[in-house]
């Protein structure tokens, strides 16, 4: 619960103002009467509570990290009201410590030294962006081998979505020749 509340405070701010695909939610499209002009876009606490079917008091307690129990129904209501995409919804369930119907994922802690080593990493980490895994290509600079172009993919254990293996393989002939030297 503490992990949910710690991250929820900053996540809800960006979610209330950004919603899906980084666009501010259209208040009229979610059934909220237009009001006076605001300094910041997005939904207010009271509006989000109303759209989620929660009392403002209970929603405020959630933001304040009070010792309350969050149900799957509440998390689902918040995800729906915030119009979260599948990856963001999965992340919200993870923060609440609740399993999605088919899987349960837990965030991995990040070493403070790793955060401090790269200012851009810290910036991205603080955004709390959430996206599902996609296969892609990485370019690594190895101190002895030089530039390596690697494709990577995720292999999932059948019947257990929690277990997976990320596999890197050469993306071009040059990388393959360099790595061939290290084959047993």
N, C-alpha and C. Protein backbone atom coordinates (compact mmCIF):
# COMPACT_ATOMS: atom_id res chain seq x y z
N UNK A 1 0.83 -1.19 0.00
CA UNK A 1 0.00 0.00 0.00
C UNK A 1 0.87 1.26 0.00
N UNK A 2 1.95 1.24 0.79
CA UNK A 2 2.81 2.40 0.86
C UNK A 2 3.42 2.72 -0.50
N UNK A 3 3.82 1.66 -1.25
CA UNK A 3 4.40 1.87 -2.58
C UNK A 3 3.38 2.53 -3.50
N UNK A 4 2.13 2.07 -3.43
CA UNK A 4 1.08 2.66 -4.25
C UNK A 4 0.94 4.15 -3.94
N UNK A 5 0.85 4.48 -2.67
CA UNK A 5 0.62 5.87 -2.29
C UNK A 5 1.80 6.76 -2.60
N UNK A 6 3.01 6.23 -2.41
CA UNK A 6 4.22 7.02 -2.67
C UNK A 6 4.25 7.45 -4.13
N UNK A 7 3.97 6.52 -5.02
CA UNK A 7 4.05 6.82 -6.45
C UNK A 7 2.75 7.43 -6.95
N UNK A 8 1.64 7.05 -6.31
CA UNK A 8 0.32 7.52 -6.77
C UNK A 8 0.25 9.04 -6.79
N UNK A 9 0.80 9.69 -5.78
CA UNK A 9 0.71 11.13 -5.69
C UNK A 9 1.25 11.81 -6.93
N UNK A 10 2.44 11.40 -7.39
CA UNK A 10 2.99 12.01 -8.59
C UNK A 10 2.35 11.44 -9.84
N UNK A 11 2.00 10.14 -9.80
CA UNK A 11 1.39 9.52 -10.98
C UNK A 11 0.02 10.11 -11.26
N UNK A 12 -0.76 10.34 -10.22
CA UNK A 12 -2.11 10.86 -10.44
C UNK A 12 -2.05 12.27 -10.99
N UNK A 13 -1.05 13.04 -10.58
CA UNK A 13 -0.92 14.40 -11.10
C UNK A 13 -0.71 14.37 -12.60
N UNK A 14 0.22 13.52 -13.05
CA UNK A 14 0.47 13.46 -14.49
C UNK A 14 -0.69 12.79 -15.20
N UNK A 15 -1.30 11.77 -14.57
CA UNK A 15 -2.41 11.08 -15.21
C UNK A 15 -3.63 11.98 -15.31
N UNK A 16 -3.91 12.75 -14.24
CA UNK A 16 -5.07 13.63 -14.29
C UNK A 16 -4.89 14.70 -15.35
N UNK A 17 -3.65 15.12 -15.57
CA UNK A 17 -3.45 16.17 -16.54
C UNK A 17 -3.09 15.65 -17.93
N UNK A 18 -2.58 14.42 -18.00
CA UNK A 18 -2.16 13.90 -19.30
C UNK A 18 -3.10 12.86 -19.86
N UNK A 19 -3.53 11.92 -19.03
CA UNK A 19 -4.39 10.87 -19.53
C UNK A 19 -3.69 10.03 -20.56
N UNK A 20 -4.44 9.34 -21.38
CA UNK A 20 -3.88 8.46 -22.39
C UNK A 20 -3.21 9.27 -23.49
N UNK A 21 -2.09 8.77 -23.96
CA UNK A 21 -1.33 9.33 -25.08
C UNK A 21 -0.83 10.75 -24.80
N UNK A 22 -0.72 11.13 -23.52
CA UNK A 22 -0.12 12.41 -23.19
C UNK A 22 -1.01 13.61 -23.44
N UNK A 23 -2.29 13.40 -23.75
CA UNK A 23 -3.19 14.51 -24.00
C UNK A 23 -4.03 14.78 -22.75
N UNK A 24 -4.26 16.06 -22.41
CA UNK A 24 -5.12 16.33 -21.27
C UNK A 24 -6.52 15.77 -21.52
N UNK A 25 -7.15 15.14 -20.49
CA UNK A 25 -8.50 14.64 -20.69
C UNK A 25 -9.45 15.79 -21.01
N UNK A 26 -10.35 15.56 -21.90
CA UNK A 26 -11.37 16.54 -22.24
C UNK A 26 -12.47 16.41 -21.20
N UNK A 27 -12.63 17.43 -20.37
CA UNK A 27 -13.60 17.36 -19.28
C UNK A 27 -14.99 17.07 -19.79
N UNK A 28 -15.37 17.67 -20.90
CA UNK A 28 -16.71 17.45 -21.44
C UNK A 28 -16.89 16.00 -21.88
N UNK A 29 -15.83 15.38 -22.42
CA UNK A 29 -15.95 14.01 -22.92
C UNK A 29 -16.11 12.99 -21.81
N UNK A 30 -15.77 13.35 -20.57
CA UNK A 30 -15.94 12.43 -19.46
C UNK A 30 -17.15 12.81 -18.61
N UNK A 31 -17.95 13.74 -19.09
CA UNK A 31 -19.19 14.09 -18.41
C UNK A 31 -19.06 15.14 -17.32
N UNK A 32 -17.98 15.89 -17.32
CA UNK A 32 -17.80 16.95 -16.32
C UNK A 32 -18.20 18.27 -16.95
N UNK A 33 -19.08 18.98 -16.26
CA UNK A 33 -19.54 20.27 -16.77
C UNK A 33 -18.38 21.24 -16.90
N UNK A 34 -18.31 21.95 -18.02
CA UNK A 34 -17.25 22.95 -18.14
C UNK A 34 -17.44 24.04 -17.09
N UNK A 35 -16.35 24.50 -16.53
CA UNK A 35 -16.42 25.54 -15.51
C UNK A 35 -15.54 26.70 -15.90
N UNK A 36 -15.15 27.50 -14.91
CA UNK A 36 -14.28 28.64 -15.21
C UNK A 36 -12.91 28.15 -15.68
N UNK A 37 -12.22 29.03 -16.34
CA UNK A 37 -10.88 28.71 -16.84
C UNK A 37 -9.96 28.36 -15.68
N UNK A 38 -9.08 27.37 -15.93
CA UNK A 38 -8.19 26.90 -14.88
C UNK A 38 -6.74 27.22 -15.21
N UNK A 39 -5.92 27.27 -14.18
CA UNK A 39 -4.50 27.49 -14.39
C UNK A 39 -3.82 26.24 -14.95
N UNK A 40 -4.30 25.07 -14.54
CA UNK A 40 -3.71 23.82 -15.03
C UNK A 40 -4.81 22.97 -15.64
N UNK A 41 -4.48 22.25 -16.74
CA UNK A 41 -5.49 21.42 -17.39
C UNK A 41 -5.73 20.14 -16.59
N UNK A 42 -6.75 19.42 -16.97
CA UNK A 42 -7.00 18.12 -16.37
C UNK A 42 -8.11 18.13 -15.35
N UNK A 43 -8.25 16.99 -14.69
CA UNK A 43 -9.33 16.81 -13.72
C UNK A 43 -8.89 17.20 -12.32
N UNK A 44 -9.81 17.77 -11.58
CA UNK A 44 -9.57 18.05 -10.16
C UNK A 44 -9.84 16.79 -9.35
N UNK A 45 -9.34 16.78 -8.13
CA UNK A 45 -9.52 15.64 -7.22
C UNK A 45 -11.00 15.27 -7.11
N UNK A 46 -11.85 16.26 -6.92
CA UNK A 46 -13.28 16.01 -6.76
C UNK A 46 -13.88 15.38 -8.01
N UNK A 47 -13.44 15.85 -9.18
CA UNK A 47 -13.96 15.32 -10.44
C UNK A 47 -13.52 13.87 -10.65
N UNK A 48 -12.25 13.59 -10.35
CA UNK A 48 -11.75 12.23 -10.51
C UNK A 48 -12.44 11.27 -9.55
N UNK A 49 -12.67 11.72 -8.32
CA UNK A 49 -13.38 10.89 -7.34
C UNK A 49 -14.80 10.59 -7.85
N UNK A 50 -15.47 11.61 -8.35
CA UNK A 50 -16.83 11.43 -8.85
C UNK A 50 -16.86 10.46 -10.03
N UNK A 51 -15.94 10.64 -10.99
CA UNK A 51 -15.90 9.76 -12.16
C UNK A 51 -15.56 8.32 -11.79
N UNK A 52 -14.83 8.15 -10.69
CA UNK A 52 -14.42 6.81 -10.26
C UNK A 52 -15.45 6.17 -9.34
N UNK A 53 -16.46 6.94 -8.93
CA UNK A 53 -17.47 6.41 -8.03
C UNK A 53 -16.97 6.32 -6.59
N UNK A 54 -16.04 7.20 -6.23
CA UNK A 54 -15.47 7.21 -4.88
C UNK A 54 -15.86 8.49 -4.17
N UNK A 55 -15.83 8.45 -2.87
CA UNK A 55 -16.04 9.70 -2.13
C UNK A 55 -14.75 10.51 -2.21
N UNK A 56 -14.90 11.81 -2.14
CA UNK A 56 -13.73 12.68 -2.18
C UNK A 56 -12.84 12.39 -0.96
N UNK A 57 -13.46 12.14 0.17
CA UNK A 57 -12.68 11.83 1.38
C UNK A 57 -11.84 10.59 1.19
N UNK A 58 -12.45 9.52 0.69
CA UNK A 58 -11.71 8.26 0.51
C UNK A 58 -10.59 8.44 -0.51
N UNK A 59 -10.89 9.13 -1.61
CA UNK A 59 -9.86 9.38 -2.62
C UNK A 59 -8.71 10.21 -2.04
N UNK A 60 -9.03 11.20 -1.21
CA UNK A 60 -8.01 12.01 -0.56
C UNK A 60 -7.16 11.15 0.36
N UNK A 61 -7.78 10.21 1.08
CA UNK A 61 -7.03 9.30 1.94
C UNK A 61 -6.05 8.47 1.11
N UNK A 62 -6.47 8.07 -0.07
CA UNK A 62 -5.58 7.31 -0.95
C UNK A 62 -4.36 8.16 -1.31
N UNK A 63 -4.57 9.40 -1.66
CA UNK A 63 -3.46 10.30 -1.99
C UNK A 63 -2.54 10.54 -0.80
N UNK A 64 -3.11 10.54 0.39
CA UNK A 64 -2.34 10.83 1.60
C UNK A 64 -1.66 9.60 2.19
N UNK A 65 -1.77 8.46 1.54
CA UNK A 65 -1.15 7.21 2.01
C UNK A 65 -1.71 6.75 3.34
N UNK A 66 -3.00 7.00 3.55
CA UNK A 66 -3.63 6.51 4.77
C UNK A 66 -3.72 4.99 4.71
N UNK A 67 -3.88 4.36 5.86
CA UNK A 67 -3.95 2.90 5.93
C UNK A 67 -5.35 2.43 5.54
N UNK A 68 -5.56 2.33 4.24
CA UNK A 68 -6.85 1.88 3.70
C UNK A 68 -6.60 0.70 2.77
N UNK A 69 -7.62 -0.07 2.53
CA UNK A 69 -7.51 -1.22 1.63
C UNK A 69 -8.08 -0.82 0.27
N UNK A 70 -7.28 -1.06 -0.75
CA UNK A 70 -7.70 -0.72 -2.11
C UNK A 70 -8.14 -2.00 -2.81
N UNK A 71 -9.35 -2.02 -3.30
CA UNK A 71 -9.88 -3.21 -3.97
C UNK A 71 -9.59 -3.14 -5.47
N UNK A 72 -9.72 -4.30 -6.11
CA UNK A 72 -9.56 -4.37 -7.55
C UNK A 72 -10.58 -3.48 -8.25
N UNK A 73 -11.79 -3.42 -7.70
CA UNK A 73 -12.86 -2.60 -8.29
C UNK A 73 -12.47 -1.12 -8.26
N UNK A 74 -11.89 -0.67 -7.15
CA UNK A 74 -11.49 0.74 -7.03
C UNK A 74 -10.39 1.06 -8.03
N UNK A 75 -9.38 0.18 -8.11
CA UNK A 75 -8.28 0.43 -9.04
C UNK A 75 -8.79 0.43 -10.48
N UNK A 76 -9.69 -0.50 -10.78
CA UNK A 76 -10.27 -0.55 -12.12
C UNK A 76 -11.05 0.72 -12.43
N UNK A 77 -11.79 1.23 -11.44
CA UNK A 77 -12.55 2.48 -11.63
C UNK A 77 -11.63 3.67 -11.88
N UNK A 78 -10.53 3.73 -11.13
CA UNK A 78 -9.58 4.81 -11.33
C UNK A 78 -8.93 4.72 -12.72
N UNK A 79 -8.56 3.51 -13.11
CA UNK A 79 -7.94 3.32 -14.44
C UNK A 79 -8.91 3.74 -15.54
N UNK A 80 -10.17 3.37 -15.38
CA UNK A 80 -11.17 3.71 -16.38
C UNK A 80 -11.40 5.22 -16.42
N UNK A 81 -11.52 5.86 -15.24
CA UNK A 81 -11.75 7.31 -15.18
C UNK A 81 -10.58 8.09 -15.76
N UNK A 82 -9.35 7.58 -15.55
CA UNK A 82 -8.17 8.25 -16.07
C UNK A 82 -7.88 7.89 -17.52
N UNK A 83 -8.68 6.95 -18.05
CA UNK A 83 -8.51 6.49 -19.43
C UNK A 83 -7.10 5.97 -19.68
N UNK A 84 -6.63 5.12 -18.75
CA UNK A 84 -5.30 4.57 -18.87
C UNK A 84 -5.25 3.50 -19.94
N UNK A 85 -4.14 3.44 -20.64
CA UNK A 85 -3.92 2.39 -21.62
C UNK A 85 -3.58 1.08 -20.91
N UNK A 86 -3.44 -0.02 -21.65
CA UNK A 86 -3.17 -1.32 -21.04
C UNK A 86 -1.90 -1.35 -20.18
N UNK A 87 -0.82 -0.75 -20.63
CA UNK A 87 0.42 -0.76 -19.85
C UNK A 87 0.29 0.08 -18.59
N UNK A 88 -0.36 1.23 -18.70
CA UNK A 88 -0.56 2.10 -17.54
C UNK A 88 -1.49 1.43 -16.52
N UNK A 89 -2.50 0.75 -17.03
CA UNK A 89 -3.45 0.02 -16.16
C UNK A 89 -2.72 -1.09 -15.41
N UNK A 90 -1.89 -1.83 -16.12
CA UNK A 90 -1.10 -2.90 -15.49
C UNK A 90 -0.22 -2.31 -14.40
N UNK A 91 0.39 -1.17 -14.69
CA UNK A 91 1.27 -0.51 -13.72
C UNK A 91 0.48 -0.08 -12.48
N UNK A 92 -0.71 0.46 -12.66
CA UNK A 92 -1.52 0.89 -11.53
C UNK A 92 -1.90 -0.31 -10.65
N UNK A 93 -2.27 -1.43 -11.27
CA UNK A 93 -2.58 -2.63 -10.50
C UNK A 93 -1.35 -3.11 -9.74
N UNK A 94 -0.19 -3.02 -10.37
CA UNK A 94 1.06 -3.43 -9.71
C UNK A 94 1.32 -2.56 -8.50
N UNK A 95 1.15 -1.24 -8.64
CA UNK A 95 1.36 -0.33 -7.52
C UNK A 95 0.42 -0.64 -6.36
N UNK A 96 -0.79 -1.06 -6.69
CA UNK A 96 -1.77 -1.38 -5.65
C UNK A 96 -1.53 -2.75 -5.04
N UNK A 97 -0.61 -3.52 -5.63
CA UNK A 97 -0.34 -4.86 -5.12
C UNK A 97 -1.43 -5.84 -5.48
N UNK A 98 -2.15 -5.56 -6.55
CA UNK A 98 -3.24 -6.43 -6.99
C UNK A 98 -2.88 -7.10 -8.31
N UNK A 99 -3.29 -8.34 -8.44
CA UNK A 99 -3.01 -9.07 -9.67
C UNK A 99 -4.05 -8.73 -10.72
N UNK A 100 -3.61 -8.62 -11.94
CA UNK A 100 -4.54 -8.55 -13.06
C UNK A 100 -5.10 -9.96 -13.23
N UNK A 101 -6.19 -10.12 -13.93
CA UNK A 101 -6.76 -11.46 -14.05
C UNK A 101 -5.77 -12.55 -14.49
N UNK A 102 -4.86 -12.25 -15.41
CA UNK A 102 -3.97 -13.30 -15.92
C UNK A 102 -2.56 -13.25 -15.37
N UNK A 103 -2.19 -12.17 -14.71
CA UNK A 103 -0.80 -12.05 -14.29
C UNK A 103 -0.64 -11.11 -13.11
N UNK A 104 0.53 -11.18 -12.49
CA UNK A 104 0.88 -10.26 -11.41
C UNK A 104 2.31 -9.81 -11.62
N UNK A 105 2.53 -8.53 -11.71
CA UNK A 105 3.87 -8.00 -11.95
C UNK A 105 4.24 -7.09 -10.81
N UNK A 106 5.52 -7.09 -10.46
CA UNK A 106 6.03 -6.22 -9.40
C UNK A 106 7.15 -5.37 -9.96
N UNK A 107 7.17 -4.07 -9.63
CA UNK A 107 8.27 -3.23 -10.12
C UNK A 107 9.58 -3.63 -9.44
N UNK A 108 10.67 -3.47 -10.17
CA UNK A 108 11.99 -3.77 -9.63
C UNK A 108 12.60 -2.49 -9.07
N UNK A 109 13.19 -2.56 -7.87
CA UNK A 109 13.82 -1.36 -7.32
C UNK A 109 15.05 -0.98 -8.14
N UNK A 110 15.32 0.30 -8.19
CA UNK A 110 16.47 0.79 -8.95
C UNK A 110 17.53 1.30 -7.97
N UNK A 111 18.74 0.86 -8.15
CA UNK A 111 19.85 1.24 -7.29
C UNK A 111 20.09 2.75 -7.41
N UNK A 112 20.21 3.46 -6.27
CA UNK A 112 20.45 4.91 -6.33
C UNK A 112 21.69 5.29 -7.12
N UNK A 113 22.71 4.43 -7.13
CA UNK A 113 23.92 4.73 -7.90
C UNK A 113 23.62 4.76 -9.40
N UNK A 114 22.73 3.88 -9.83
CA UNK A 114 22.35 3.84 -11.24
C UNK A 114 21.63 5.13 -11.60
N UNK A 115 20.73 5.57 -10.75
CA UNK A 115 20.01 6.81 -11.00
C UNK A 115 20.96 8.01 -11.09
N UNK A 116 21.93 8.05 -10.18
CA UNK A 116 22.85 9.19 -10.13
C UNK A 116 23.83 9.19 -11.30
N UNK A 117 24.09 8.03 -11.89
CA UNK A 117 25.09 7.94 -12.95
C UNK A 117 24.64 8.64 -14.24
N UNK A 118 23.34 8.74 -14.47
CA UNK A 118 22.85 9.30 -15.72
C UNK A 118 21.69 10.25 -15.44
N UNK A 119 21.89 11.55 -15.60
CA UNK A 119 20.82 12.52 -15.32
C UNK A 119 19.57 12.28 -16.17
N UNK A 120 19.76 11.83 -17.42
CA UNK A 120 18.61 11.57 -18.29
C UNK A 120 17.78 10.41 -17.73
N UNK A 121 18.46 9.40 -17.18
CA UNK A 121 17.74 8.28 -16.57
C UNK A 121 16.86 8.78 -15.42
N UNK A 122 17.41 9.63 -14.58
CA UNK A 122 16.65 10.17 -13.45
C UNK A 122 15.44 10.94 -13.94
N UNK A 123 15.62 11.71 -14.98
CA UNK A 123 14.51 12.48 -15.55
C UNK A 123 13.40 11.54 -16.05
N UNK A 124 13.77 10.49 -16.78
CA UNK A 124 12.79 9.53 -17.29
C UNK A 124 12.14 8.76 -16.15
N UNK A 125 12.94 8.38 -15.15
CA UNK A 125 12.41 7.63 -14.01
C UNK A 125 11.36 8.45 -13.28
N UNK A 126 11.61 9.74 -13.10
CA UNK A 126 10.68 10.60 -12.38
C UNK A 126 9.39 10.85 -13.15
N UNK A 127 9.40 10.65 -14.45
CA UNK A 127 8.18 10.81 -15.25
C UNK A 127 7.21 9.67 -15.02
N UNK A 128 7.69 8.54 -14.54
CA UNK A 128 6.86 7.35 -14.30
C UNK A 128 6.14 6.90 -15.57
N UNK A 129 6.80 7.04 -16.71
CA UNK A 129 6.21 6.56 -17.95
C UNK A 129 6.08 5.04 -17.93
N UNK A 130 5.01 4.56 -18.50
CA UNK A 130 4.77 3.12 -18.49
C UNK A 130 4.50 2.67 -19.92
N UNK A 131 5.19 1.63 -20.33
CA UNK A 131 4.96 1.06 -21.66
C UNK A 131 5.23 -0.43 -21.59
N UNK A 132 4.54 -1.17 -22.41
CA UNK A 132 4.77 -2.61 -22.48
C UNK A 132 6.06 -2.91 -23.22
N UNK A 133 6.50 -4.15 -23.13
CA UNK A 133 7.74 -4.56 -23.78
C UNK A 133 7.54 -4.63 -25.29
N UNK A 134 8.52 -4.15 -26.03
CA UNK A 134 8.53 -4.33 -27.48
C UNK A 134 9.95 -4.72 -27.90
N UNK A 135 10.03 -5.64 -28.84
CA UNK A 135 11.33 -6.01 -29.38
C UNK A 135 11.90 -4.81 -30.11
N UNK A 136 13.22 -4.68 -30.07
CA UNK A 136 13.84 -3.52 -30.70
C UNK A 136 15.32 -3.79 -30.94
N UNK A 137 16.04 -2.76 -31.30
CA UNK A 137 17.48 -2.85 -31.55
C UNK A 137 18.20 -1.89 -30.61
N UNK A 138 19.32 -2.35 -30.08
CA UNK A 138 20.16 -1.53 -29.22
C UNK A 138 21.55 -1.46 -29.80
N UNK A 139 22.17 -0.33 -29.59
CA UNK A 139 23.57 -0.18 -29.99
C UNK A 139 24.38 -0.01 -28.71
N UNK A 140 25.32 -0.92 -28.50
CA UNK A 140 26.16 -0.89 -27.32
C UNK A 140 27.60 -0.58 -27.72
N UNK A 141 28.28 0.18 -26.89
CA UNK A 141 29.70 0.47 -27.11
C UNK A 141 30.47 -0.31 -26.05
N UNK A 142 31.14 -1.36 -26.48
CA UNK A 142 31.91 -2.19 -25.57
C UNK A 142 33.35 -1.67 -25.54
N UNK A 143 33.99 -1.61 -24.35
CA UNK A 143 35.33 -1.04 -24.26
C UNK A 143 36.38 -1.78 -25.09
N UNK A 144 36.19 -3.07 -25.31
CA UNK A 144 37.18 -3.84 -26.09
C UNK A 144 36.67 -4.22 -27.48
N UNK A 145 35.38 -4.47 -27.58
CA UNK A 145 34.83 -4.95 -28.85
C UNK A 145 34.34 -3.83 -29.76
N UNK A 146 34.16 -2.66 -29.21
CA UNK A 146 33.67 -1.54 -30.02
C UNK A 146 32.15 -1.52 -30.11
N UNK A 147 31.65 -1.03 -31.22
CA UNK A 147 30.21 -0.85 -31.43
C UNK A 147 29.56 -2.20 -31.77
N UNK A 148 28.51 -2.53 -31.01
CA UNK A 148 27.75 -3.77 -31.25
C UNK A 148 26.30 -3.40 -31.49
N UNK A 149 25.73 -3.89 -32.58
CA UNK A 149 24.32 -3.69 -32.88
C UNK A 149 23.60 -4.99 -32.56
N UNK A 150 22.68 -4.90 -31.59
CA UNK A 150 21.99 -6.11 -31.12
C UNK A 150 20.48 -5.93 -31.18
N UNK A 151 19.81 -6.95 -31.70
CA UNK A 151 18.36 -7.01 -31.61
C UNK A 151 18.03 -7.76 -30.34
N UNK A 152 16.89 -7.45 -29.72
CA UNK A 152 16.50 -8.21 -28.54
C UNK A 152 15.02 -8.52 -28.58
N UNK A 153 14.69 -9.62 -27.93
CA UNK A 153 13.33 -10.09 -27.92
C UNK A 153 13.03 -10.73 -26.58
N UNK A 154 11.78 -10.85 -26.24
CA UNK A 154 11.37 -11.42 -24.96
C UNK A 154 10.74 -12.78 -25.21
N UNK A 155 11.24 -13.78 -24.50
CA UNK A 155 10.67 -15.12 -24.53
C UNK A 155 9.94 -15.33 -23.21
N UNK A 156 8.69 -15.76 -23.29
CA UNK A 156 7.87 -15.95 -22.09
C UNK A 156 7.63 -17.44 -21.89
N UNK A 157 7.72 -17.87 -20.64
CA UNK A 157 7.46 -19.27 -20.31
C UNK A 157 5.97 -19.53 -20.48
N UNK A 158 5.64 -20.57 -21.25
CA UNK A 158 4.24 -20.91 -21.49
C UNK A 158 3.53 -21.18 -20.17
N UNK A 159 2.39 -20.54 -19.97
CA UNK A 159 1.60 -20.76 -18.78
C UNK A 159 2.03 -19.95 -17.57
N UNK A 160 3.11 -19.17 -17.68
CA UNK A 160 3.58 -18.36 -16.56
C UNK A 160 4.16 -17.04 -17.08
N UNK A 161 3.30 -16.05 -17.20
CA UNK A 161 3.71 -14.75 -17.75
C UNK A 161 4.74 -14.03 -16.89
N UNK A 162 4.88 -14.44 -15.62
CA UNK A 162 5.84 -13.78 -14.74
C UNK A 162 7.28 -14.13 -15.09
N UNK A 163 7.49 -15.27 -15.74
CA UNK A 163 8.84 -15.68 -16.08
C UNK A 163 9.12 -15.40 -17.54
N UNK A 164 10.20 -14.67 -17.77
CA UNK A 164 10.57 -14.36 -19.15
C UNK A 164 12.09 -14.26 -19.25
N UNK A 165 12.55 -14.31 -20.47
CA UNK A 165 13.98 -14.22 -20.75
C UNK A 165 14.16 -13.24 -21.89
N UNK A 166 15.00 -12.24 -21.69
CA UNK A 166 15.31 -11.29 -22.76
C UNK A 166 16.55 -11.82 -23.47
N UNK A 167 16.45 -11.99 -24.77
CA UNK A 167 17.54 -12.57 -25.56
C UNK A 167 18.07 -11.51 -26.52
N UNK A 168 19.39 -11.32 -26.51
CA UNK A 168 20.06 -10.40 -27.43
C UNK A 168 20.76 -11.24 -28.49
N UNK A 169 20.69 -10.79 -29.75
CA UNK A 169 21.38 -11.49 -30.83
C UNK A 169 21.88 -10.46 -31.85
N UNK A 170 22.93 -10.81 -32.60
CA UNK A 170 23.54 -9.84 -33.53
C UNK A 170 22.53 -9.32 -34.55
N UNK A 171 22.58 -8.02 -34.77
CA UNK A 171 21.67 -7.39 -35.72
C UNK A 171 22.29 -7.22 -37.10
N UNK A 172 23.62 -7.41 -37.21
CA UNK A 172 24.26 -7.26 -38.51
C UNK A 172 25.47 -8.20 -38.59
N UNK A 173 26.03 -8.34 -39.79
CA UNK A 173 27.15 -9.25 -40.01
C UNK A 173 28.40 -8.84 -39.23
N UNK A 174 28.67 -7.56 -39.14
CA UNK A 174 29.85 -7.09 -38.43
C UNK A 174 29.78 -7.50 -36.95
N UNK A 175 28.65 -7.26 -36.32
CA UNK A 175 28.48 -7.64 -34.91
C UNK A 175 28.58 -9.15 -34.75
N UNK A 176 28.02 -9.88 -35.70
CA UNK A 176 28.07 -11.34 -35.62
C UNK A 176 29.52 -11.83 -35.69
N UNK A 177 30.32 -11.26 -36.57
CA UNK A 177 31.74 -11.65 -36.67
C UNK A 177 32.51 -11.34 -35.40
N UNK A 178 32.26 -10.18 -34.81
CA UNK A 178 32.94 -9.80 -33.57
C UNK A 178 32.56 -10.77 -32.44
N UNK A 179 31.29 -11.08 -32.33
CA UNK A 179 30.84 -11.95 -31.25
C UNK A 179 31.22 -13.42 -31.49
N UNK A 180 31.42 -13.79 -32.72
CA UNK A 180 31.80 -15.16 -33.07
C UNK A 180 33.11 -15.54 -32.39
N UNK A 181 33.98 -14.58 -32.17
CA UNK A 181 35.27 -14.84 -31.51
C UNK A 181 35.10 -15.36 -30.07
N UNK A 182 33.96 -15.07 -29.47
CA UNK A 182 33.75 -15.45 -28.07
C UNK A 182 32.90 -16.70 -27.91
N UNK A 183 32.53 -17.30 -29.01
CA UNK A 183 31.72 -18.52 -28.96
C UNK A 183 32.59 -19.67 -28.45
N UNK A 184 32.09 -20.48 -27.50
CA UNK A 184 32.89 -21.59 -26.97
C UNK A 184 33.13 -22.69 -27.99
